[in-house]
Amino acid sequence: MRARDLAGDFPTVTLDTPALEAARLLADQDLPGLIVVDGEGLPFTILPGTQVLRLAVPRYCQDDPALARVVDEPHADAFLRALGGKTVRECLPDEPRELAVADPRATVLEMAALMARTRSPLVAVVEGGRLVGAITLQSLLDHVL
């Protein structure tokens, strides 16, 4: 089985997409992450859902989980509002990471190794300079198991 056989349509966002819109897309479609594309529609980076949360969850709660426990539920439920005027660009890590992009001829083991190495829950499949689809960790494991 090759990447081309497993790749499916996958939503994309741009660097200027509002972060809250990206979070809604993640939730509405139950996605593990998003493919961020550049102006030409090519993958720029993979944005795991956890990276969106990292921007929304107050730093003090990330640094000391005990502090998260003392926030009452009405305020805890509103933490995603912190994404308000922020964009996807602001959700990206400071250090660029290896891009999880595979050739359509990549094997299942190559894709699994790429996901593991890049810590990405999905791989973008690019052929001839265009995005042809993506493979999620879930679909890869479903196929292997």
Protein backbone atom coordinates (compact mmCIF):
# COMPACT_ATOMS: atom_id res chain seq x y z
CA MET A 1 0.00 0.00 0.00
CA ARG A 2 1.36 3.41 -0.98
CA ALA A 3 0.59 6.97 0.14
CA ARG A 4 -1.48 7.59 -3.00
CA ASP A 5 -3.76 4.70 -2.01
CA LEU A 6 -4.37 6.00 1.51
CA ALA A 7 -4.47 9.75 0.85
CA GLY A 8 -7.85 11.40 1.14
CA ASP A 9 -9.21 14.91 0.79
CA PHE A 10 -8.29 17.03 3.76
CA PRO A 11 -9.19 20.60 4.70
CA THR A 12 -6.48 23.23 4.69
CA VAL A 13 -6.02 26.63 6.27
CA THR A 14 -3.70 29.52 5.53
CA LEU A 15 -1.36 31.41 7.81
CA ASP A 16 -3.93 34.21 8.02
CA THR A 17 -6.91 32.01 8.91
CA PRO A 18 -8.31 33.07 12.30
CA ALA A 19 -7.16 30.63 15.00
CA LEU A 20 -10.70 30.29 16.35
CA GLU A 21 -11.91 29.27 12.88
CA ALA A 22 -9.12 26.67 12.73
CA ALA A 23 -10.15 25.36 16.18
CA ARG A 24 -13.76 25.08 15.01
CA LEU A 25 -12.64 23.18 11.91
CA LEU A 26 -10.65 20.78 14.10
CA ALA A 27 -13.67 20.20 16.34
CA ASP A 28 -16.41 20.09 13.69
CA GLN A 29 -14.58 17.56 11.53
CA ASP A 30 -12.86 15.69 14.39
CA LEU A 31 -9.41 16.31 12.90
CA PRO A 32 -6.06 15.59 14.57
CA GLY A 33 -4.51 18.66 13.00
CA LEU A 34 -4.56 20.90 9.96
CA ILE A 35 -2.45 21.38 6.89
CA VAL A 36 -1.37 25.01 6.64
CA VAL A 37 -0.80 25.99 3.02
CA ASP A 38 1.13 28.87 1.52
CA GLY A 39 -0.15 31.29 -1.12
CA GLU A 40 0.32 28.69 -3.85
CA GLY A 41 -1.63 25.98 -2.02
CA LEU A 42 1.45 23.95 -1.05
CA PRO A 43 1.94 22.65 2.49
CA PHE A 44 3.76 25.18 4.66
CA THR A 45 3.45 23.21 7.89
CA ILE A 46 1.26 20.77 9.77
CA LEU A 47 -0.55 22.31 12.73
CA PRO A 48 -1.44 19.65 15.33
CA GLY A 49 -4.56 20.40 17.35
CA THR A 50 -2.44 20.43 20.50
CA GLN A 51 -0.57 23.45 19.15
CA VAL A 52 -3.84 25.38 18.90
CA LEU A 53 -4.57 24.44 22.52
CA ARG A 54 -1.11 25.56 23.57
CA LEU A 55 -1.94 29.06 22.39
CA ALA A 56 -5.38 29.09 24.03
CA VAL A 57 -4.54 27.61 27.44
CA PRO A 58 -3.07 30.23 29.77
CA ARG A 59 0.68 29.81 30.22
CA TYR A 60 0.33 29.63 34.01
CA CYS A 61 -1.96 26.58 33.65
CA GLN A 62 0.54 24.88 31.33
CA ASP A 63 3.42 25.59 33.70
CA ASP A 64 1.56 24.53 36.85
CA PRO A 65 -1.39 22.16 36.28
CA ALA A 66 -2.51 22.66 39.89
CA LEU A 67 -3.44 26.24 38.97
CA ALA A 68 -5.78 24.95 36.26
CA ARG A 69 -7.70 23.10 38.96
CA VAL A 70 -8.53 26.28 40.88
CA VAL A 71 -10.20 28.03 37.93
CA ASP A 72 -13.98 27.66 38.18
CA GLU A 73 -15.85 25.86 35.40
CA PRO A 74 -17.51 28.90 33.75
CA HIS A 75 -14.09 30.50 33.29
CA ALA A 76 -12.38 27.24 32.37
CA ASP A 77 -14.93 26.59 29.62
CA ALA A 78 -14.16 29.97 28.06
CA PHE A 79 -10.41 29.53 27.55
CA LEU A 80 -10.70 29.10 23.78
CA ARG A 81 -11.97 32.67 23.57
CA ALA A 82 -8.34 33.63 24.11
CA LEU A 83 -7.85 32.75 20.45
CA GLY A 84 -10.07 35.75 19.62
CA GLY A 85 -8.11 37.92 17.19
CA LYS A 86 -5.17 35.56 16.71
CA THR A 87 -4.28 33.82 13.46
CA VAL A 88 -2.94 30.39 12.61
CA ARG A 89 0.47 32.03 12.12
CA GLU A 90 0.48 32.83 15.85
CA CYS A 91 -0.23 29.18 16.73
CA LEU A 92 2.89 27.91 15.03
CA PRO A 93 5.92 26.99 17.10
CA ASP A 94 8.82 29.45 17.14
CA GLU A 95 11.21 26.88 15.70
CA PRO A 96 10.21 25.48 12.29
CA ARG A 97 9.96 21.72 12.30
CA GLU A 98 10.47 19.15 9.59
CA LEU A 99 7.48 19.19 7.28
CA ALA A 100 5.52 15.93 7.20
CA VAL A 101 5.18 15.61 3.44
CA ALA A 102 5.30 12.34 1.54
CA ASP A 103 5.64 11.39 -2.08
CA PRO A 104 2.64 9.39 -3.41
CA ARG A 105 4.94 6.35 -3.77
CA ALA A 106 5.88 6.34 -0.06
CA THR A 107 5.24 3.06 1.74
CA VAL A 108 3.23 2.65 4.92
CA LEU A 109 6.45 2.22 6.90
CA GLU A 110 7.92 5.41 5.39
CA MET A 111 4.80 7.36 6.37
CA ALA A 112 4.79 5.88 9.88
CA ALA A 113 8.46 6.79 10.30
CA LEU A 114 7.76 10.32 9.06
CA MET A 115 4.87 10.75 11.52
CA ALA A 116 6.99 9.43 14.38
CA ARG A 117 10.01 11.57 13.52
CA THR A 118 8.02 14.79 13.03
CA ARG A 119 5.52 14.06 15.81
CA SER A 120 2.78 14.87 13.34
CA PRO A 121 -0.67 13.25 13.44
CA LEU A 122 -0.94 13.59 9.68
CA VAL A 123 1.13 13.57 6.51
CA ALA A 124 0.47 15.72 3.47
CA VAL A 125 0.88 13.92 0.15
CA VAL A 126 2.32 16.11 -2.60
CA GLU A 127 2.77 15.18 -6.24
CA GLY A 128 3.98 17.38 -9.06
CA GLY A 129 3.96 20.48 -6.90
CA ARG A 130 0.38 20.15 -5.69
CA LEU A 131 -1.31 18.80 -2.58
CA VAL A 132 -3.21 15.63 -3.48
CA GLY A 133 -4.43 14.68 -0.02
CA ALA A 134 -3.44 13.68 3.47
CA ILE A 135 -3.10 10.59 5.61
CA THR A 136 -4.05 10.72 9.28
CA LEU A 137 -2.49 8.65 12.01
CA GLN A 138 -5.90 7.02 12.50
CA SER A 139 -6.20 5.93 8.87
CA LEU A 140 -2.60 4.69 8.81
CA LEU A 141 -3.13 2.60 11.95
CA ASP A 142 -6.49 1.34 10.66
CA HIS A 143 -4.76 0.09 7.54
CA VAL A 144 -1.81 -1.48 9.35
CA LEU A 145 -3.91 -3.16 12.02
